[in-house]
Amino acid sequence: MQHTQNLVHDAGLGLRRSFIEQALATPLNNVSFYEVAPENWMTLGGKPGKQFRAMTERYPFICHGLSLSIGSTDPLDEAFIKNLKDFMHEHKIKFYSEHLSYCSHDGHLYDLMPIPFTEEAVHHVAKRIQRVQDILEQKIAIENVSYYAAPGQEMSEIDFFNAVTTEADCDVLIDINNIYVNSVNHGYDAEQFLQAIPAQRISYAHIAGHYVEAEDFLVDTHGAEVIDPVWQLLGKAYELYGVFPTLLERDFNIPDIAELQREVSTIQSIQSAWHTHNEQLSA
């Protein structure tokens, strides 16, 4: 099975409808790949549909799902997965990722809820991930999520995450901001968490901003600039595992294109620094 790092590289950006016209008119030269939530684009027709087609013809894309609800006890939405497979084939999108969470229970919950960190949940989720991979005929990447409560916890977040990805034999999408947010909210060491990620499974990373509710309570909003400690954690990830594709997420309070490009350039500069560092070590 193909690995994401062979499909995309360098720095990416989550595509939003608010700036697709600008991106088509003036290519964002520092953006190597784009990511979309397929649920927001699969049914688009008319002008937005044509604009999206024009983008996927020019640039590599990844799909990042919102509604698969991989941890739910509801039946897996196999019709959605088959439609997703067709959509990816139509637009030559090579890769799909989802959150290690659930968003439905006898109906849609409109939020990403934490899966209980239990042995039973490991087997349940891993089986569902394997089924998705069977239908798509490729590996998918699972993302570590931000969470604000851990009901029925039997193991640590990282042990749960690693158990699921090992049993499912799937790839990993590291969300750097989520590690930072959870480390503050739940009082753990972000670097130790990072060091325990299964290196061979890393496909790509997300980086984003968050909202400070209180000194010890952060909310993962994707609605603000990335802060220095999160950038530093990204650098630490490259130090540990080498440089991997990294994508900027911005879902709310979307600034102008120049500001988004500035943050994408920050990803590139951190990547370049580690490329240079590694070259010097191997010289």
Protein backbone atom coordinates (compact mmCIF):
# COMPACT_ATOMS: atom_id res chain seq x y z
CA MET A 1 0.00 0.00 0.00
CA GLN A 2 1.19 3.51 -0.82
CA HIS A 3 2.37 5.81 1.95
CA THR A 4 1.16 9.41 2.11
CA GLN A 5 4.68 10.77 2.21
CA ASN A 6 5.14 9.39 -1.29
CA LEU A 7 1.99 11.22 -2.44
CA VAL A 8 2.33 14.69 -0.87
CA HIS A 9 5.29 16.62 0.47
CA ASP A 10 6.40 19.81 2.23
CA ALA A 11 3.65 22.15 3.47
CA GLY A 12 -0.09 22.02 2.82
CA LEU A 13 -3.24 24.04 3.49
CA GLY A 14 -6.84 23.11 4.20
CA LEU A 15 -8.87 24.37 1.22
CA ARG A 16 -11.85 26.55 2.14
CA ARG A 17 -14.52 27.88 -0.21
CA SER A 18 -13.83 31.43 1.00
CA PHE A 19 -10.49 31.56 -0.86
CA ILE A 20 -10.78 28.97 -3.65
CA GLU A 21 -11.30 31.69 -6.27
CA GLN A 22 -8.13 33.49 -5.16
CA ALA A 23 -6.15 30.24 -5.11
CA LEU A 24 -7.21 29.54 -8.69
CA ALA A 25 -6.49 33.08 -9.92
CA THR A 26 -3.11 33.39 -8.20
CA PRO A 27 -1.52 30.05 -7.28
CA LEU A 28 -0.22 29.89 -3.70
CA ASN A 29 3.36 28.99 -4.55
CA ASN A 30 4.32 27.82 -1.08
CA VAL A 31 1.39 25.37 -0.79
CA SER A 32 2.44 21.93 -2.05
CA PHE A 33 -0.85 20.12 -1.32
CA TYR A 34 -4.39 20.76 -0.14
CA GLU A 35 -6.81 18.94 2.12
CA VAL A 36 -10.62 18.95 2.14
CA ALA A 37 -13.40 17.47 4.24
CA PRO A 38 -15.08 15.27 1.59
CA GLU A 39 -18.50 15.79 3.18
CA ASN A 40 -18.29 19.48 2.21
CA TRP A 41 -17.35 18.85 -1.43
CA MET A 42 -18.78 15.50 -2.58
CA THR A 43 -22.19 16.88 -3.56
CA LEU A 44 -21.09 20.25 -4.91
CA GLY A 45 -22.20 21.10 -8.43
CA GLY A 46 -22.30 24.30 -10.47
CA LYS A 47 -19.53 26.87 -10.17
CA PRO A 48 -18.07 25.60 -6.84
CA GLY A 49 -17.93 22.08 -8.28
CA LYS A 50 -16.07 23.33 -11.36
CA GLN A 51 -13.67 25.34 -9.21
CA PHE A 52 -12.93 22.29 -7.10
CA ARG A 53 -12.31 20.18 -10.21
CA ALA A 54 -9.88 22.84 -11.46
CA MET A 55 -8.00 22.67 -8.16
CA THR A 56 -7.78 18.87 -8.05
CA GLU A 57 -6.49 18.84 -11.64
CA ARG A 58 -3.60 21.10 -10.61
CA TYR A 59 -2.63 20.03 -7.09
CA PRO A 60 -2.29 16.91 -4.93
CA PHE A 61 -5.19 16.51 -2.47
CA ILE A 62 -5.94 14.58 0.72
CA CYS A 63 -9.41 13.90 2.14
CA HIS A 64 -9.87 14.46 5.87
CA GLY A 65 -13.19 13.10 7.07
CA LEU A 66 -15.55 14.64 9.62
CA SER A 67 -18.51 12.27 9.87
CA LEU A 68 -17.35 8.66 9.61
CA SER A 69 -17.81 8.33 13.39
CA ILE A 70 -15.28 5.52 13.59
CA GLY A 71 -15.79 5.01 17.33
CA SER A 72 -19.58 4.91 17.32
CA THR A 73 -21.73 1.87 18.11
CA ASP A 74 -24.01 2.87 15.22
CA PRO A 75 -23.55 0.74 12.09
CA LEU A 76 -20.68 1.90 9.89
CA ASP A 77 -21.97 4.06 7.03
CA GLU A 78 -20.69 1.87 4.21
CA ALA A 79 -22.71 3.76 1.58
CA PHE A 80 -20.78 6.92 2.52
CA ILE A 81 -17.46 5.05 2.29
CA LYS A 82 -18.32 3.76 -1.18
CA ASN A 83 -19.34 7.28 -2.29
CA LEU A 84 -16.09 8.56 -0.82
CA LYS A 85 -14.14 5.96 -2.80
CA ASP A 86 -15.83 7.12 -6.03
CA PHE A 87 -15.17 10.79 -5.15
CA MET A 88 -11.49 10.09 -4.48
CA HIS A 89 -11.18 8.16 -7.73
CA GLU A 90 -12.94 10.91 -9.70
CA HIS A 91 -10.58 13.60 -8.39
CA LYS A 92 -7.46 11.38 -8.19
CA ILE A 93 -7.28 11.98 -4.43
CA LYS A 94 -4.86 9.40 -3.11
CA PHE A 95 -5.39 9.42 0.64
CA TYR A 96 -8.01 9.64 3.41
CA SER A 97 -7.72 10.41 7.13
CA GLU A 98 -10.23 10.51 9.98
CA HIS A 99 -10.44 11.37 13.68
CA LEU A 100 -10.15 8.81 16.46
CA SER A 101 -13.54 9.82 17.83
CA TYR A 102 -17.26 9.47 17.19
CA CYS A 103 -19.94 11.96 16.21
CA SER A 104 -23.10 9.87 16.10
CA HIS A 105 -25.22 7.81 18.46
CA ASP A 106 -28.72 7.11 17.16
CA GLY A 107 -28.32 10.32 15.15
CA HIS A 108 -25.69 12.97 14.50
CA LEU A 109 -24.12 14.70 17.54
CA TYR A 110 -22.52 17.64 15.65
CA ASP A 111 -19.30 17.30 17.61
CA LEU A 112 -16.31 14.98 17.83
CA MET A 113 -16.70 12.99 21.05
CA PRO A 114 -13.91 11.10 22.86
CA ILE A 115 -13.94 7.32 22.70
CA PRO A 116 -13.54 5.68 26.15
CA PHE A 117 -9.92 4.56 26.57
CA THR A 118 -10.77 0.90 27.15
CA GLU A 119 -9.63 -2.48 25.83
CA GLU A 120 -13.11 -3.16 24.49
CA ALA A 121 -13.11 0.12 22.57
CA VAL A 122 -9.69 -0.71 21.04
CA HIS A 123 -11.05 -3.89 19.43
CA HIS A 124 -14.32 -2.22 18.37
CA VAL A 125 -12.62 0.75 16.68
CA ALA A 126 -9.80 -1.27 15.10
CA LYS A 127 -12.31 -3.61 13.48
CA ARG A 128 -14.21 -0.65 12.00
CA ILE A 129 -11.01 0.95 10.68
CA GLN A 130 -10.07 -2.36 9.04
CA ARG A 131 -13.48 -2.48 7.36
CA VAL A 132 -13.02 1.05 5.98
CA GLN A 133 -9.58 0.09 4.65
CA ASP A 134 -11.04 -3.04 3.02
CA ILE A 135 -13.72 -1.00 1.21
CA LEU A 136 -11.32 1.76 0.13
CA GLU A 137 -8.64 -0.84 -0.71
CA GLN A 138 -5.97 1.26 0.98
CA LYS A 139 -4.71 2.27 4.38
CA ILE A 140 -6.20 5.32 6.05
CA ALA A 141 -4.62 7.60 8.67
CA ILE A 142 -6.16 8.08 12.11
CA GLU A 143 -5.73 11.39 13.94
CA ASN A 144 -5.22 11.95 17.66
CA VAL A 145 -8.04 14.26 18.79
CA SER A 146 -8.48 16.92 21.43
CA TYR A 147 -10.81 15.84 24.24
CA TYR A 148 -12.13 17.50 27.37
CA ALA A 149 -13.27 14.50 29.44
CA ALA A 150 -12.20 10.85 29.59
CA PRO A 151 -15.14 8.77 30.84
CA GLY A 152 -14.45 5.17 31.84
CA GLN A 153 -10.71 5.51 31.30
CA GLU A 154 -8.73 2.26 31.66
CA MET A 155 -5.52 3.32 29.91
CA SER A 156 -3.68 6.48 28.90
CA GLU A 157 -4.55 8.36 25.71
CA ILE A 158 -1.28 7.42 24.00
CA ASP A 159 -1.59 3.74 24.95
CA PHE A 160 -5.14 3.70 23.59
CA PHE A 161 -4.10 5.48 20.39
CA ASN A 162 -1.18 3.13 19.78
CA ALA A 163 -3.25 0.03 20.55
CA VAL A 164 -5.91 1.06 18.00
CA THR A 165 -3.47 1.93 15.21
CA THR A 166 -1.45 -1.26 15.79
CA GLU A 167 -4.48 -3.56 15.80
CA ALA A 168 -6.06 -1.82 12.80
CA ASP A 169 -2.69 -1.64 11.01
CA CYS A 170 -3.45 1.89 9.82
CA ASP A 171 -1.39 5.04 9.36
CA VAL A 172 -1.20 7.96 11.77
CA LEU A 173 -2.04 11.63 11.28
CA ILE A 174 -0.32 13.58 14.05
CA ASP A 175 -2.18 16.70 15.13
CA ILE A 176 0.51 18.78 16.84
CA ASN A 177 -1.93 21.33 18.28
CA ASN A 178 -4.13 18.58 19.75
CA ILE A 179 -1.12 17.12 21.58
CA TYR A 180 -0.34 20.56 23.01
CA VAL A 181 -3.97 21.31 23.96
CA ASN A 182 -4.44 17.92 25.65
CA SER A 183 -1.10 18.22 27.47
CA VAL A 184 -2.27 21.48 29.07
CA ASN A 185 -5.84 20.32 29.76
CA HIS A 186 -4.89 16.89 31.14
CA GLY A 187 -1.51 17.69 32.65
CA TYR A 188 0.81 15.45 30.66
CA ASP A 189 4.16 16.02 28.94
CA ALA A 190 3.62 16.82 25.25
CA GLU A 191 7.12 15.71 24.23
CA GLN A 192 6.74 12.35 25.99
CA PHE A 193 3.47 11.81 24.12
CA LEU A 194 5.21 12.69 20.87
CA GLN A 195 8.06 10.28 21.58
CA ALA A 196 5.58 7.41 21.96
CA ILE A 197 3.96 7.90 18.51
CA PRO A 198 4.69 4.91 16.21
CA ALA A 199 7.20 6.52 13.83
CA GLN A 200 6.75 4.00 11.01
CA ARG A 201 3.03 4.83 10.78
CA ILE A 202 3.30 8.64 10.47
CA SER A 203 1.76 9.81 7.22
CA TYR A 204 1.43 13.58 7.73
CA ALA A 205 0.67 16.19 10.37
CA HIS A 206 -1.82 18.95 11.16
CA ILE A 207 -0.95 22.20 12.88
CA ALA A 208 -3.48 24.81 13.99
CA GLY A 209 -4.37 27.50 16.51
CA HIS A 210 -6.56 27.26 19.61
CA TYR A 211 -8.50 29.42 22.06
CA VAL A 212 -7.30 30.05 25.62
CA GLU A 213 -10.32 29.71 27.92
CA ALA A 214 -8.13 29.71 31.04
CA GLU A 215 -4.50 29.09 31.94
CA ASP A 216 -5.18 25.38 32.30
CA PHE A 217 -8.02 25.05 29.77
CA LEU A 218 -7.49 25.37 26.01
CA VAL A 219 -10.10 24.81 23.30
CA ASP A 220 -9.07 23.41 19.91
CA THR A 221 -10.81 25.85 17.56
CA HIS A 222 -8.63 26.09 14.40
CA GLY A 223 -9.65 29.75 14.61
CA ALA A 224 -6.45 31.55 15.58
CA GLU A 225 -2.76 31.81 14.73
CA VAL A 226 -0.47 28.95 15.68
CA ILE A 227 1.43 29.85 18.87
CA ASP A 228 5.17 29.46 19.48
CA PRO A 229 5.01 26.39 21.80
CA VAL A 230 3.06 24.52 19.08
CA TRP A 231 5.60 25.51 16.41
CA GLN A 232 8.35 24.31 18.77
CA LEU A 233 6.55 20.99 19.23
CA LEU A 234 6.45 20.60 15.44
CA GLY A 235 10.22 21.15 15.35
CA LYS A 236 10.58 18.49 18.06
CA ALA A 237 8.52 16.06 15.95
CA TYR A 238 10.86 16.60 12.98
CA GLU A 239 13.85 16.13 15.29
CA LEU A 240 12.44 12.78 16.40
CA TYR A 241 11.10 11.42 13.11
CA GLY A 242 12.53 13.47 10.24
CA VAL A 243 10.50 15.92 8.18
CA PHE A 244 7.02 14.78 7.11
CA PRO A 245 4.24 16.58 5.17
CA THR A 246 2.52 19.13 7.42
CA LEU A 247 -0.75 20.96 6.81
CA LEU A 248 -2.11 24.20 8.26
CA GLU A 249 -5.76 23.99 9.37
CA ARG A 250 -7.84 27.15 9.69
CA ASP A 251 -11.62 26.70 9.95
CA PHE A 252 -12.88 29.90 11.62
CA ASN A 253 -11.88 33.58 11.62
CA ILE A 254 -10.18 32.84 8.30
CA PRO A 255 -7.72 35.66 7.58
CA ASP A 256 -6.68 36.89 4.17
CA ILE A 257 -4.60 34.71 1.89
CA ALA A 258 -1.35 36.52 2.74
CA GLU A 259 -1.72 35.62 6.42
CA LEU A 260 -2.42 31.96 5.62
CA GLN A 261 0.60 31.88 3.33
CA ARG A 262 2.75 33.39 6.06
CA GLU A 263 1.88 30.50 8.40
CA VAL A 264 2.45 27.95 5.63
CA SER A 265 5.87 29.59 5.13
CA THR A 266 6.59 29.06 8.83
CA ILE A 267 5.98 25.32 8.33
CA GLN A 268 8.40 25.41 5.38
CA SER A 269 11.08 27.27 7.34
CA ILE A 270 10.95 24.73 10.20
CA GLN A 271 11.11 21.91 7.65
CA SER A 272 14.09 23.55 5.90
CA ALA A 273 15.92 24.00 9.20
CA TRP A 274 15.59 20.28 9.94
CA HIS A 275 16.55 19.27 6.41
CA THR A 276 19.71 21.39 6.76
CA HIS A 277 20.40 20.01 10.24
CA ASN A 278 20.08 16.40 9.02
CA GLU A 279 22.31 17.08 6.01
CA GLN A 280 24.99 18.49 8.30
CA LEU A 281 24.75 15.42 10.55
CA SER A 282 25.14 13.04 7.61
CA ALA A 283 27.94 15.05 5.92
